[in-house]
Amino acid sequence: MSEEEVENKLLKGIEHLACIAVVNSRRRVTISGDEKPIDEIQQILSISYPNVFKACSNVRQTAGFYDTITLIIKNEAANVFLEISPHPVLAKSIRECYELTNQQQSPPIILPTLKRKENEQITLLTSLAQLTTSSLVWQQYFHTRQILPMKNHEEYFDDFPLYKFHLSPCWYESKDSSIQCLANRIPTHPLLDIRQLNEQTSVTWKSLINIDLPQHAFLKDHKIQDAILFPAVAYLKLVTAACQQLLSSKDDGQQPKIIFEDVKFVKVLILNET
């Protein structure tokens, strides 16, 4: 209702209890006042201007979807469509409307919001990514920007906020990955493998021995009665390699001198073939 209609039909005689607060448009106003007169005005409007017939016509009458899309195409009003529904069913119809108009236009961008049997966040983010990477959207954006070709003028595009770019590399690396990269820089023995970096006072190494791998295949030759045993010399080699990592000096590059005394092997280690 217009401002004049509201004053003559709804507020006449109760101006001291309710009034027009905001004129939103020629046919829309906002009324403010006491609770009782506002409730009475609402009852009058629900009887004088019911919405049930409009809702009924939307359900019973034919929807002119093709005519609407054709009009949009002819007027070049839009070429990006967002279908808000439980599942996209109108995308094919919109594309057919574009094909039947026989106009040399770029194909439309039709974005769904939901899809059956698909995560709704993935669907929505995929549509957003497709919209962001579309050249048509960026062309429309720049066509609406005011470009000032004047020389020595500071404002050529929108007044974007200034930002000092960080020139330092942005690289996320997990703890295990950083340890692995650090370990690769240190000479390792194929049996000793990687030293564990932890807060313990004792030094430990972690190694996975697989005789099917090329670097461990030589262990298959050490057999006693068809049982593959871990060689005694391999134990000594492990100790030697560990001492070299701990005691070697980077300055002189000399290898430490290691002496074994009273070495005993209490139990044998049997390696199983997979």
C-alpha atoms as a PDB file:
ATOM      1  CA  MET A   1       0.000   0.000   0.000  1.00  0.00           C
ATOM      2  CA  SER A   2       1.104   3.548  -0.687  1.00  0.00           C
ATOM      3  CA  GLU A   3       1.658   6.187   1.973  1.00  0.00           C
ATOM      4  CA  GLU A   4      -1.637   7.923   1.134  1.00  0.00           C
ATOM      5  CA  GLU A   5      -3.642   4.683   1.273  1.00  0.00           C
ATOM      6  CA  VAL A   6      -2.200   3.767   4.656  1.00  0.00           C
ATOM      7  CA  GLU A   7      -3.016   7.174   6.125  1.00  0.00           C
ATOM      8  CA  ASN A   8      -6.594   7.190   4.780  1.00  0.00           C
ATOM      9  CA  LYS A   9      -7.531   3.518   5.289  1.00  0.00           C
ATOM     10  CA  LEU A  10      -5.487   2.261   8.231  1.00  0.00           C
ATOM     11  CA  LEU A  11      -4.317   5.180  10.353  1.00  0.00           C
ATOM     12  CA  LYS A  12      -7.304   7.484  10.084  1.00  0.00           C
ATOM     13  CA  GLY A  13      -8.576   8.221  13.594  1.00  0.00           C
ATOM     14  CA  ILE A  14      -5.675   6.504  15.393  1.00  0.00           C
ATOM     15  CA  GLU A  15      -2.852   8.869  14.433  1.00  0.00           C
ATOM     16  CA  HIS A  16      -2.052   9.318  18.135  1.00  0.00           C
ATOM     17  CA  LEU A  17      -1.539   5.543  18.549  1.00  0.00           C
ATOM     18  CA  ALA A  18       0.263   4.568  15.318  1.00  0.00           C
ATOM     19  CA  CYS A  19       2.026   6.315  12.478  1.00  0.00           C
ATOM     20  CA  ILE A  20       4.137   5.699   9.375  1.00  0.00           C
ATOM     21  CA  ALA A  21       7.717   5.164  10.483  1.00  0.00           C
ATOM     22  CA  VAL A  22       9.434   4.543   7.137  1.00  0.00           C
ATOM     23  CA  VAL A  23       8.413   5.009   3.507  1.00  0.00           C
ATOM     24  CA  ASN A  24      10.307   2.177   1.830  1.00  0.00           C
ATOM     25  CA  SER A  25       8.911   2.680  -1.670  1.00  0.00           C
ATOM     26  CA  ARG A  26       5.782   3.917  -3.411  1.00  0.00           C
ATOM     27  CA  ARG A  27       3.926   0.756  -2.463  1.00  0.00           C
ATOM     28  CA  ARG A  28       5.655  -0.201   0.788  1.00  0.00           C
ATOM     29  CA  VAL A  29       5.672   1.550   4.151  1.00  0.00           C
ATOM     30  CA  THR A  30       6.542   0.602   7.719  1.00  0.00           C
ATOM     31  CA  ILE A  31       4.026   1.309  10.491  1.00  0.00           C
ATOM     32  CA  SER A  32       5.024   1.798  14.124  1.00  0.00           C
ATOM     33  CA  GLY A  33       2.901   2.306  17.228  1.00  0.00           C
ATOM     34  CA  ASP A  34       1.289   0.682  20.235  1.00  0.00           C
ATOM     35  CA  GLU A  35       0.897  -3.062  20.271  1.00  0.00           C
ATOM     36  CA  LYS A  36      -2.924  -3.165  20.259  1.00  0.00           C
ATOM     37  CA  PRO A  37      -3.539  -0.925  17.212  1.00  0.00           C
ATOM     38  CA  ILE A  38      -0.741  -2.671  15.319  1.00  0.00           C
ATOM     39  CA  ASP A  39      -2.433  -6.053  15.956  1.00  0.00           C
ATOM     40  CA  GLU A  40      -5.752  -4.632  14.726  1.00  0.00           C
ATOM     41  CA  ILE A  41      -4.110  -3.297  11.553  1.00  0.00           C
ATOM     42  CA  GLN A  42      -2.552  -6.697  10.960  1.00  0.00           C
ATOM     43  CA  GLN A  43      -5.983  -8.373  11.200  1.00  0.00           C
ATOM     44  CA  ILE A  44      -7.434  -5.883   8.718  1.00  0.00           C
ATOM     45  CA  LEU A  45      -4.618  -6.503   6.257  1.00  0.00           C
ATOM     46  CA  SER A  46      -4.934 -10.286   6.537  1.00  0.00           C
ATOM     47  CA  ILE A  47      -8.607  -9.999   5.512  1.00  0.00           C
ATOM     48  CA  SER A  48      -8.333  -7.217   2.935  1.00  0.00           C
ATOM     49  CA  TYR A  49      -5.151  -8.443   1.266  1.00  0.00           C
ATOM     50  CA  PRO A  50      -5.007 -12.241   1.599  1.00  0.00           C
ATOM     51  CA  ASN A  51      -2.060 -14.091   0.074  1.00  0.00           C
ATOM     52  CA  VAL A  52      -3.735 -17.466  -0.258  1.00  0.00           C
ATOM     53  CA  PHE A  53      -4.898 -16.839  -3.829  1.00  0.00           C
ATOM     54  CA  LYS A  54      -1.422 -15.934  -5.002  1.00  0.00           C
ATOM     55  CA  ALA A  55      -0.013 -19.061  -3.416  1.00  0.00           C
ATOM     56  CA  CYS A  56      -2.776 -21.136  -5.004  1.00  0.00           C
ATOM     57  CA  SER A  57      -2.117 -19.692  -8.457  1.00  0.00           C
ATOM     58  CA  ASN A  58       1.575 -20.458  -8.136  1.00  0.00           C
ATOM     59  CA  VAL A  59       0.732 -24.092  -7.450  1.00  0.00           C
ATOM     60  CA  ARG A  60      -2.100 -24.628  -9.946  1.00  0.00           C
ATOM     61  CA  GLN A  61      -1.212 -22.420 -12.919  1.00  0.00           C
ATOM     62  CA  THR A  62       1.467 -23.119 -15.526  1.00  0.00           C
ATOM     63  CA  ALA A  63       4.873 -21.606 -14.802  1.00  0.00           C
ATOM     64  CA  GLY A  64       6.360 -19.796 -17.801  1.00  0.00           C
ATOM     65  CA  PHE A  65       9.928 -20.863 -17.154  1.00  0.00           C
ATOM     66  CA  TYR A  66      10.907 -20.970 -20.830  1.00  0.00           C
ATOM     67  CA  ASP A  67       9.452 -17.503 -21.495  1.00  0.00           C
ATOM     68  CA  THR A  68      11.283 -16.072 -18.503  1.00  0.00           C
ATOM     69  CA  ILE A  69      14.660 -17.555 -19.445  1.00  0.00           C
ATOM     70  CA  THR A  70      14.200 -16.492 -23.081  1.00  0.00           C
ATOM     71  CA  LEU A  71      13.500 -12.938 -21.990  1.00  0.00           C
ATOM     72  CA  ILE A  72      16.613 -12.966 -19.817  1.00  0.00           C
ATOM     73  CA  ILE A  73      18.694 -14.209 -22.748  1.00  0.00           C
ATOM     74  CA  LYS A  74      17.349 -11.624 -25.191  1.00  0.00           C
ATOM     75  CA  ASN A  75      17.917  -8.781 -22.775  1.00  0.00           C
ATOM     76  CA  GLU A  76      21.320 -10.193 -21.789  1.00  0.00           C
ATOM     77  CA  ALA A  77      20.268  -9.678 -18.210  1.00  0.00           C
ATOM     78  CA  ALA A  78      22.330 -12.542 -16.811  1.00  0.00           C
ATOM     79  CA  ASN A  79      24.373 -15.557 -17.818  1.00  0.00           C
ATOM     80  CA  VAL A  80      25.048 -16.973 -14.348  1.00  0.00           C
ATOM     81  CA  PHE A  81      22.302 -18.979 -12.667  1.00  0.00           C
ATOM     82  CA  LEU A  82      22.268 -20.312  -9.101  1.00  0.00           C
ATOM     83  CA  GLU A  83      19.761 -23.121  -8.611  1.00  0.00           C
ATOM     84  CA  ILE A  84      18.586 -23.294  -5.010  1.00  0.00           C
ATOM     85  CA  SER A  85      16.979 -26.712  -4.722  1.00  0.00           C
ATOM     86  CA  PRO A  86      17.628 -30.137  -3.149  1.00  0.00           C
ATOM     87  CA  HIS A  87      19.027 -31.321  -6.500  1.00  0.00           C
ATOM     88  CA  PRO A  88      19.786 -29.469  -9.774  1.00  0.00           C
ATOM     89  CA  VAL A  89      16.999 -30.246 -12.266  1.00  0.00           C
ATOM     90  CA  LEU A  90      16.782 -27.028 -14.316  1.00  0.00           C
ATOM     91  CA  ALA A  91      20.347 -26.867 -15.625  1.00  0.00           C
ATOM     92  CA  LYS A  92      19.563 -28.865 -18.766  1.00  0.00           C
ATOM     93  CA  SER A  93      16.448 -26.780 -19.468  1.00  0.00           C
ATOM     94  CA  ILE A  94      18.392 -23.534 -19.172  1.00  0.00           C
ATOM     95  CA  ARG A  95      21.037 -24.789 -21.591  1.00  0.00           C
ATOM     96  CA  GLU A  96      18.343 -25.818 -24.080  1.00  0.00           C
ATOM     97  CA  CYS A  97      16.809 -22.351 -23.846  1.00  0.00           C
ATOM     98  CA  TYR A  98      20.170 -20.842 -24.751  1.00  0.00           C
ATOM     99  CA  GLU A  99      20.527 -23.221 -27.701  1.00  0.00           C
ATOM    100  CA  LEU A 100      17.023 -22.493 -29.045  1.00  0.00           C
ATOM    101  CA  THR A 101      17.501 -18.736 -29.055  1.00  0.00           C
ATOM    102  CA  ASN A 102      20.196 -19.123 -31.752  1.00  0.00           C
ATOM    103  CA  GLN A 103      22.065 -16.161 -30.351  1.00  0.00           C
ATOM    104  CA  GLN A 104      25.829 -16.166 -30.388  1.00  0.00           C
ATOM    105  CA  GLN A 105      26.326 -15.938 -26.681  1.00  0.00           C
ATOM    106  CA  SER A 106      28.661 -17.709 -24.340  1.00  0.00           C
ATOM    107  CA  PRO A 107      27.144 -20.754 -22.634  1.00  0.00           C
ATOM    108  CA  PRO A 108      25.611 -19.981 -19.256  1.00  0.00           C
ATOM    109  CA  ILE A 109      27.157 -20.846 -15.929  1.00  0.00           C
ATOM    110  CA  ILE A 110      24.702 -22.917 -13.899  1.00  0.00           C
ATOM    111  CA  LEU A 111      25.721 -23.556 -10.315  1.00  0.00           C
ATOM    112  CA  PRO A 112      23.989 -25.999  -7.950  1.00  0.00           C
ATOM    113  CA  THR A 113      23.709 -25.560  -4.200  1.00  0.00           C
ATOM    114  CA  LEU A 114      22.836 -29.146  -3.283  1.00  0.00           C
ATOM    115  CA  LYS A 115      23.175 -32.557  -4.921  1.00  0.00           C
ATOM    116  CA  ARG A 116      21.799 -35.910  -3.906  1.00  0.00           C
ATOM    117  CA  LYS A 117      24.276 -38.255  -2.236  1.00  0.00           C
ATOM    118  CA  GLU A 118      26.955 -35.577  -2.158  1.00  0.00           C
ATOM    119  CA  ASN A 119      28.372 -33.559   0.715  1.00  0.00           C
ATOM    120  CA  GLU A 120      26.661 -30.171   0.733  1.00  0.00           C
ATOM    121  CA  GLN A 121      29.842 -28.315   1.674  1.00  0.00           C
ATOM    122  CA  ILE A 122      31.741 -29.850  -1.231  1.00  0.00           C
ATOM    123  CA  THR A 123      28.920 -28.969  -3.647  1.00  0.00           C
ATOM    124  CA  LEU A 124      28.707 -25.368  -2.510  1.00  0.00           C
ATOM    125  CA  LEU A 125      32.475 -24.837  -2.443  1.00  0.00           C
ATOM    126  CA  THR A 126      32.796 -26.383  -5.907  1.00  0.00           C
ATOM    127  CA  SER A 127      30.184 -23.966  -7.252  1.00  0.00           C
ATOM    128  CA  LEU A 128      31.989 -21.075  -5.602  1.00  0.00           C
ATOM    129  CA  ALA A 129      35.296 -22.159  -7.133  1.00  0.00           C
ATOM    130  CA  GLN A 130      33.687 -22.493 -10.564  1.00  0.00           C
ATOM    131  CA  LEU A 131      32.243 -19.007 -10.227  1.00  0.00           C
ATOM    132  CA  THR A 132      35.575 -17.552  -9.138  1.00  0.00           C
ATOM    133  CA  THR A 133      37.508 -19.051 -12.045  1.00  0.00           C
ATOM    134  CA  SER A 134      34.973 -18.070 -14.710  1.00  0.00           C
ATOM    135  CA  SER A 135      36.239 -15.478 -17.185  1.00  0.00           C
ATOM    136  CA  LEU A 136      32.690 -14.260 -17.851  1.00  0.00           C
ATOM    137  CA  VAL A 137      32.235 -13.222 -14.252  1.00  0.00           C
ATOM    138  CA  TRP A 138      35.502 -11.282 -14.237  1.00  0.00           C
ATOM    139  CA  GLN A 139      34.604  -9.584 -17.520  1.00  0.00           C
ATOM    140  CA  GLN A 140      31.321  -8.402 -16.064  1.00  0.00           C
ATOM    141  CA  TYR A 141      33.092  -7.234 -12.953  1.00  0.00           C
ATOM    142  CA  PHE A 142      35.641  -5.116 -14.797  1.00  0.00           C
ATOM    143  CA  HIS A 143      32.964  -3.705 -17.100  1.00  0.00           C
ATOM    144  CA  THR A 144      31.310  -2.197 -14.037  1.00  0.00           C
ATOM    145  CA  ARG A 145      34.535  -0.645 -12.749  1.00  0.00           C
ATOM    146  CA  GLN A 146      35.373   2.962 -13.482  1.00  0.00           C
ATOM    147  CA  ILE A 147      38.751   3.186 -15.179  1.00  0.00           C
ATOM    148  CA  LEU A 148      40.334   6.623 -15.229  1.00  0.00           C
ATOM    149  CA  PRO A 149      42.948   6.830 -17.998  1.00  0.00           C
ATOM    150  CA  MET A 150      44.159  10.222 -16.796  1.00  0.00           C
ATOM    151  CA  LYS A 151      47.901  10.500 -16.455  1.00  0.00           C
ATOM    152  CA  ASN A 152      49.473  10.925 -13.055  1.00  0.00           C
ATOM    153  CA  HIS A 153      46.237   9.864 -11.444  1.00  0.00           C
ATOM    154  CA  GLU A 154      46.471   7.594  -8.450  1.00  0.00           C
ATOM    155  CA  GLU A 155      43.024   5.992  -8.695  1.00  0.00           C
ATOM    156  CA  TYR A 156      42.638   3.776 -11.750  1.00  0.00           C
ATOM    157  CA  PHE A 157      40.456   1.084 -10.218  1.00  0.00           C
ATOM    158  CA  ASP A 158      38.597   0.697  -6.967  1.00  0.00           C
ATOM    159  CA  ASP A 159      40.331   1.984  -3.907  1.00  0.00           C
ATOM    160  CA  PHE A 160      41.644  -1.381  -2.750  1.00  0.00           C
ATOM    161  CA  PRO A 161      43.376  -1.403   0.642  1.00  0.00           C
ATOM    162  CA  LEU A 162      47.146  -1.378   0.533  1.00  0.00           C
ATOM    163  CA  TYR A 163      48.890  -4.541   1.654  1.00  0.00           C
ATOM    164  CA  LYS A 164      52.543  -5.185   2.317  1.00  0.00           C
ATOM    165  CA  PHE A 165      53.313  -8.539   0.764  1.00  0.00           C
ATOM    166  CA  HIS A 166      55.280 -11.042   2.810  1.00  0.00           C
ATOM    167  CA  LEU A 167      58.221 -12.206   0.760  1.00  0.00           C
ATOM    168  CA  SER A 168      59.080 -15.077   3.077  1.00  0.00           C
ATOM    169  CA  PRO A 169      58.095 -18.507   1.711  1.00  0.00           C
ATOM    170  CA  CYS A 170      54.947 -20.058   3.104  1.00  0.00           C
ATOM    171  CA  TRP A 171      55.584 -23.760   3.571  1.00  0.00           C
ATOM    172  CA  TYR A 172      53.822 -26.055   5.985  1.00  0.00           C
ATOM    173  CA  GLU A 173      55.675 -29.185   6.927  1.00  0.00           C
ATOM    174  CA  SER A 174      54.719 -31.805   9.444  1.00  0.00           C
ATOM    175  CA  LYS A 175      57.062 -32.879  12.223  1.00  0.00           C
ATOM    176  CA  ASP A 176      57.622 -36.310  10.679  1.00  0.00           C
ATOM    177  CA  SER A 177      58.443 -34.764   7.307  1.00  0.00           C
ATOM    178  CA  SER A 178      60.941 -32.314   8.788  1.00  0.00           C
ATOM    179  CA  ILE A 179      62.639 -35.132  10.714  1.00  0.00           C
ATOM    180  CA  GLN A 180      62.814 -37.216   7.558  1.00  0.00           C
ATOM    181  CA  CYS A 181      64.378 -34.343   5.576  1.00  0.00           C
ATOM    182  CA  LEU A 182      66.880 -33.701   8.351  1.00  0.00           C
ATOM    183  CA  ALA A 183      67.742 -37.380   8.549  1.00  0.00           C
ATOM    184  CA  ASN A 184      68.341 -37.557   4.801  1.00  0.00           C
ATOM    185  CA  ARG A 185      71.138 -35.017   5.165  1.00  0.00           C
ATOM    186  CA  ILE A 186      72.973 -37.291   7.598  1.00  0.00           C
ATOM    187  CA  PRO A 187      74.832 -40.320   6.188  1.00  0.00           C
ATOM    188  CA  THR A 188      72.956 -43.405   7.344  1.00  0.00           C
ATOM    189  CA  HIS A 189      73.535 -47.128   7.216  1.00  0.00           C
ATOM    190  CA  PRO A 190      70.834 -49.249   5.485  1.00  0.00           C
ATOM    191  CA  LEU A 191      70.399 -51.339   8.627  1.00  0.00           C
ATOM    192  CA  LEU A 192      70.603 -48.486  11.136  1.00  0.00           C
ATOM    193  CA  ASP A 193      68.285 -46.152   9.231  1.00  0.00           C
ATOM    194  CA  ILE A 194      66.953 -43.000  10.968  1.00  0.00           C
ATOM    195  CA  ARG A 195      67.898 -41.585  14.338  1.00  0.00           C
ATOM    196  CA  GLN A 196      64.879 -40.605  16.419  1.00  0.00           C
ATOM    197  CA  LEU A 197      64.806 -36.973  17.534  1.00  0.00           C
ATOM    198  CA  ASN A 198      63.037 -36.879  20.887  1.00  0.00           C
ATOM    199  CA  GLU A 199      63.406 -35.439  24.367  1.00  0.00           C
ATOM    200  CA  GLN A 200      64.894 -38.593  25.859  1.00  0.00           C
ATOM    201  CA  THR A 201      68.437 -38.549  27.169  1.00  0.00           C
ATOM    202  CA  SER A 202      69.256 -41.860  25.484  1.00  0.00           C
ATOM    203  CA  VAL A 203      69.889 -42.003  21.747  1.00  0.00           C
ATOM    204  CA  THR A 204      67.660 -44.299  19.711  1.00  0.00           C
ATOM    205  CA  TRP A 205      67.321 -45.324  16.075  1.00  0.00           C
ATOM    206  CA  LYS A 206      64.347 -46.749  14.266  1.00  0.00           C
ATOM    207  CA  SER A 207      64.779 -49.206  11.429  1.00  0.00           C
ATOM    208  CA  LEU A 208      62.485 -51.541   9.519  1.00  0.00           C
ATOM    209  CA  ILE A 209      64.341 -54.525   8.103  1.00  0.00           C
ATOM    210  CA  ASN A 210      62.668 -56.162   5.116  1.00  0.00           C
ATOM    211  CA  ILE A 211      64.728 -58.833   3.403  1.00  0.00           C
ATOM    212  CA  ASP A 212      62.588 -58.452   0.271  1.00  0.00           C
ATOM    213  CA  LEU A 213      63.973 -54.938  -0.279  1.00  0.00           C
ATOM    214  CA  PRO A 214      67.147 -54.564  -2.367  1.00  0.00           C
ATOM    215  CA  GLN A 215      69.125 -52.906   0.437  1.00  0.00           C
ATOM    216  CA  HIS A 216      68.406 -55.821   2.798  1.00  0.00           C
ATOM    217  CA  ALA A 217      68.432 -58.710   0.296  1.00  0.00           C
ATOM    218  CA  PHE A 218      71.975 -59.751   1.273  1.00  0.00           C
ATOM    219  CA  LEU A 219      70.646 -60.994   4.619  1.00  0.00           C
ATOM    220  CA  LYS A 220      68.948 -63.926   2.866  1.00  0.00           C
ATOM    221  CA  ASP A 221      72.337 -65.532   2.299  1.00  0.00           C
ATOM    222  CA  HIS A 222      73.000 -65.920   6.022  1.00  0.00           C
ATOM    223  CA  LYS A 223      71.172 -69.196   6.657  1.00  0.00           C
ATOM    224  CA  ILE A 224      71.534 -72.006   9.165  1.00  0.00           C
ATOM    225  CA  GLN A 225      69.281 -75.019   8.560  1.00  0.00           C
ATOM    226  CA  ASP A 226      66.966 -72.981   6.285  1.00  0.00           C
ATOM    227  CA  ALA A 227      66.568 -70.284   8.949  1.00  0.00           C
ATOM    228  CA  ILE A 228      67.664 -66.762   8.038  1.00  0.00           C
ATOM    229  CA  LEU A 229      69.646 -65.336  10.951  1.00  0.00           C
ATOM    230  CA  PHE A 230      70.676 -61.776  11.519  1.00  0.00           C
ATOM    231  CA  PRO A 231      74.502 -61.858  11.226  1.00  0.00           C
ATOM    232  CA  ALA A 232      76.658 -61.134  14.242  1.00  0.00           C
ATOM    233  CA  VAL A 233      78.819 -58.836  12.165  1.00  0.00           C
ATOM    234  CA  ALA A 234      75.682 -56.823  11.353  1.00  0.00           C
ATOM    235  CA  TYR A 235      75.269 -56.030  15.047  1.00  0.00           C
ATOM    236  CA  LEU A 236      78.818 -54.731  15.131  1.00  0.00           C
ATOM    237  CA  LYS A 237      78.175 -52.730  11.982  1.00  0.00           C
ATOM    238  CA  LEU A 238      75.131 -51.122  13.579  1.00  0.00           C
ATOM    239  CA  VAL A 239      77.177 -50.041  16.578  1.00  0.00           C
ATOM    240  CA  THR A 240      79.935 -48.720  14.327  1.00  0.00           C
ATOM    241  CA  ALA A 241      77.507 -46.698  12.198  1.00  0.00           C
ATOM    242  CA  ALA A 242      75.803 -45.265  15.291  1.00  0.00           C
ATOM    243  CA  CYS A 243      79.121 -44.205  16.823  1.00  0.00           C
ATOM    244  CA  GLN A 244      80.185 -42.578  13.581  1.00  0.00           C
ATOM    245  CA  GLN A 245      77.016 -40.466  13.551  1.00  0.00           C
ATOM    246  CA  LEU A 246      77.422 -39.427  17.173  1.00  0.00           C
ATOM    247  CA  LEU A 247      81.180 -38.974  17.441  1.00  0.00           C
ATOM    248  CA  SER A 248      82.231 -37.804  13.986  1.00  0.00           C
ATOM    249  CA  SER A 249      83.522 -34.224  13.825  1.00  0.00           C
ATOM    250  CA  LYS A 250      82.417 -31.911  11.049  1.00  0.00           C
ATOM    251  CA  ASP A 251      85.586 -29.846  11.300  1.00  0.00           C
ATOM    252  CA  ASP A 252      88.357 -32.381  10.729  1.00  0.00           C
ATOM    253  CA  GLY A 253      86.223 -35.047   9.040  1.00  0.00           C
ATOM    254  CA  GLN A 254      88.087 -37.832  10.842  1.00  0.00           C
ATOM    255  CA  GLN A 255      86.271 -41.020  11.765  1.00  0.00           C
ATOM    256  CA  PRO A 256      86.311 -42.005  15.466  1.00  0.00           C
ATOM    257  CA  LYS A 257      88.311 -45.018  16.567  1.00  0.00           C
ATOM    258  CA  ILE A 258      86.074 -47.797  17.903  1.00  0.00           C
ATOM    259  CA  ILE A 259      87.292 -50.809  19.903  1.00  0.00           C
ATOM    260  CA  PHE A 260      85.054 -53.774  20.803  1.00  0.00           C
ATOM    261  CA  GLU A 261      85.791 -55.846  23.930  1.00  0.00           C
ATOM    262  CA  ASP A 262      84.030 -58.856  25.450  1.00  0.00           C
ATOM    263  CA  VAL A 263      81.214 -58.957  22.876  1.00  0.00           C
ATOM    264  CA  LYS A 264      78.608 -61.646  23.582  1.00  0.00           C
ATOM    265  CA  PHE A 265      75.540 -62.653  21.544  1.00  0.00           C
ATOM    266  CA  VAL A 266      72.957 -64.054  23.953  1.00  0.00           C
ATOM    267  CA  LYS A 267      70.036 -64.690  21.605  1.00  0.00           C
ATOM    268  CA  VAL A 268      69.756 -65.139  17.871  1.00  0.00           C
ATOM    269  CA  LEU A 269      67.462 -62.973  15.723  1.00  0.00           C
ATOM    270  CA  ILE A 270      65.563 -64.984  13.107  1.00  0.00           C
ATOM    271  CA  LEU A 271      64.322 -63.113  10.027  1.00  0.00           C
ATOM    272  CA  ASN A 272      61.127 -64.359   8.402  1.00  0.00           C
ATOM    273  CA  GLU A 273      60.454 -64.249   4.690  1.00  0.00           C
ATOM    274  CA  THR A 274      57.176 -62.634   3.635  1.00  0.00           C
END
